[in-house]
Amino acid sequence: MALSYNGNYLASGQRGENADVVIWDFHQKKAIYRLSEHDNEVTLLAFSYDDKLLLSCGNSLDGKLFIWNIANGHIVSSLNIIPSVFSEAPRCLVWGGFAKDYKQRNTTEY
């Protein structure tokens, strides 16, 4: 499970043949999106610092990583991480900081 930084969203991952990621409206206590791309088990979830994106990762049998757009539930990016990047599933996920411009000022880009 992961709670968004502003506290408006909760993401939960499922386990099983069709392991979905469910994004919940925390205050209304209802599901907003059911994201059905993982197989076997969702092990890690992380919201971006601006709560616009959600990162999800499956276990070693699933081997997939997705970045989801919270505004519409669409996939922004995906990667088969096992065995191409890692030999086993990651144990933690954290978003990096925002990129800085040439004068080292913060930007809205990751």
Protein backbone atom coordinates (compact mmCIF):
# COMPACT_ATOMS: atom_id res chain seq x y z
CA MET A 1 0.00 0.00 0.00
CA ALA A 2 1.02 3.61 -0.52
CA LEU A 3 -0.56 6.87 0.60
CA SER A 4 -0.16 9.95 -1.57
CA TYR A 5 1.74 12.90 -0.12
CA ASN A 6 -1.36 15.14 -0.05
CA GLY A 7 -3.38 12.35 1.60
CA ASN A 8 -6.04 12.25 -1.13
CA TYR A 9 -5.17 8.88 -2.67
CA LEU A 10 -4.36 5.40 -1.45
CA ALA A 11 -2.93 2.73 -3.75
CA SER A 12 -3.18 -0.96 -2.98
CA GLY A 13 -1.61 -3.90 -4.77
CA GLN A 14 -3.12 -7.34 -5.11
CA ARG A 15 -1.75 -10.84 -5.29
CA GLY A 16 -2.90 -13.64 -7.57
CA GLU A 17 -3.14 -14.53 -11.24
CA ASN A 18 -4.46 -11.07 -12.15
CA ALA A 19 -2.79 -8.80 -9.61
CA ASP A 20 -4.33 -5.35 -9.96
CA VAL A 21 -3.31 -2.00 -8.57
CA VAL A 22 -6.32 -0.16 -7.16
CA ILE A 23 -6.21 3.60 -6.64
CA TRP A 24 -8.67 4.80 -4.02
CA ASP A 25 -10.08 8.21 -3.19
CA PHE A 26 -9.09 8.20 0.46
CA HIS A 27 -11.74 10.67 1.67
CA GLN A 28 -14.69 9.20 -0.24
CA LYS A 29 -13.50 5.63 0.43
CA LYS A 30 -14.15 4.46 -3.14
CA ALA A 31 -12.03 3.00 -5.92
CA ILE A 32 -11.12 5.41 -8.72
CA TYR A 33 -9.03 3.14 -10.97
CA ARG A 34 -8.32 -0.57 -11.26
CA LEU A 35 -5.02 -0.95 -13.14
CA SER A 36 -4.74 -4.45 -14.56
CA GLU A 37 -1.26 -4.99 -15.97
CA HIS A 38 0.57 -6.98 -13.30
CA ASP A 39 0.51 -10.77 -13.07
CA ASN A 40 1.15 -12.78 -9.91
CA GLU A 41 1.78 -10.06 -7.27
CA VAL A 42 2.25 -6.31 -6.83
CA THR A 43 4.99 -5.83 -4.25
CA LEU A 44 5.91 -2.13 -4.33
CA LEU A 45 4.00 1.12 -4.83
CA ALA A 46 5.20 4.72 -4.61
CA PHE A 47 3.55 8.06 -5.39
CA SER A 48 5.62 10.85 -6.92
CA TYR A 49 6.23 13.91 -4.75
CA ASP A 50 3.61 15.94 -6.65
CA ASP A 51 1.10 13.03 -6.55
CA LYS A 52 0.72 13.06 -10.34
CA LEU A 53 2.32 9.64 -10.90
CA LEU A 54 2.30 6.23 -9.28
CA LEU A 55 5.08 3.68 -9.65
CA SER A 56 4.18 -0.01 -9.30
CA CYS A 57 6.44 -3.04 -9.35
CA GLY A 58 5.63 -6.74 -9.41
CA ASN A 59 7.46 -9.64 -7.79
CA SER A 60 10.10 -11.80 -9.48
CA LEU A 61 7.48 -13.88 -11.31
CA ASP A 62 5.79 -10.74 -12.67
CA GLY A 63 8.97 -8.82 -13.46
CA LYS A 64 7.24 -5.61 -14.55
CA LEU A 65 7.47 -1.98 -13.49
CA PHE A 66 4.87 0.65 -14.48
CA ILE A 67 4.49 4.39 -14.08
CA TRP A 68 0.82 5.40 -14.00
CA ASN A 69 -0.81 8.79 -14.57
CA ILE A 70 -3.07 9.46 -11.57
CA ALA A 71 -5.25 11.92 -13.50
CA ASN A 72 -6.51 9.33 -15.99
CA GLY A 73 -5.19 5.90 -14.94
CA HIS A 74 -3.11 5.45 -18.11
CA ILE A 75 0.36 3.96 -18.36
CA VAL A 76 3.05 6.63 -18.77
CA SER A 77 5.93 4.16 -19.03
CA SER A 78 6.65 0.47 -18.48
CA LEU A 79 9.69 -1.76 -18.24
CA ASN A 80 10.28 -5.50 -17.96
CA ILE A 81 12.85 -5.38 -15.18
CA ILE A 82 13.48 -9.11 -14.74
CA PRO A 83 15.85 -10.42 -16.07
CA SER A 84 16.81 -7.44 -18.27
CA VAL A 85 17.64 -5.01 -15.43
CA PHE A 86 17.62 -7.07 -12.22
CA SER A 87 17.98 -10.76 -11.46
CA GLU A 88 15.32 -10.53 -8.74
CA ALA A 89 12.56 -8.10 -7.80
CA PRO A 90 13.54 -4.82 -6.13
CA ARG A 91 12.91 -4.55 -2.40
CA CYS A 92 12.15 -0.82 -2.35
CA LEU A 93 11.21 2.01 -4.72
CA VAL A 94 11.70 5.74 -4.22
CA TRP A 95 11.17 8.60 -6.63
CA GLY A 96 14.21 10.73 -7.38
CA GLY A 97 14.16 14.49 -7.03
CA PHE A 98 13.22 17.03 -9.63
CA ALA A 99 15.70 18.07 -12.33
CA LYS A 100 17.35 21.46 -12.01
CA ASP A 101 17.89 23.94 -14.82
CA TYR A 102 21.31 25.22 -15.87
CA LYS A 103 21.27 27.76 -13.01
CA GLN A 104 20.50 24.97 -10.51
CA ARG A 105 16.92 26.18 -9.95
CA ASN A 106 14.22 23.63 -9.24
CA THR A 107 11.96 22.63 -12.13
CA THR A 108 8.77 20.57 -12.41
CA GLU A 109 10.59 17.87 -14.43
CA TYR A 110 11.70 14.55 -12.94
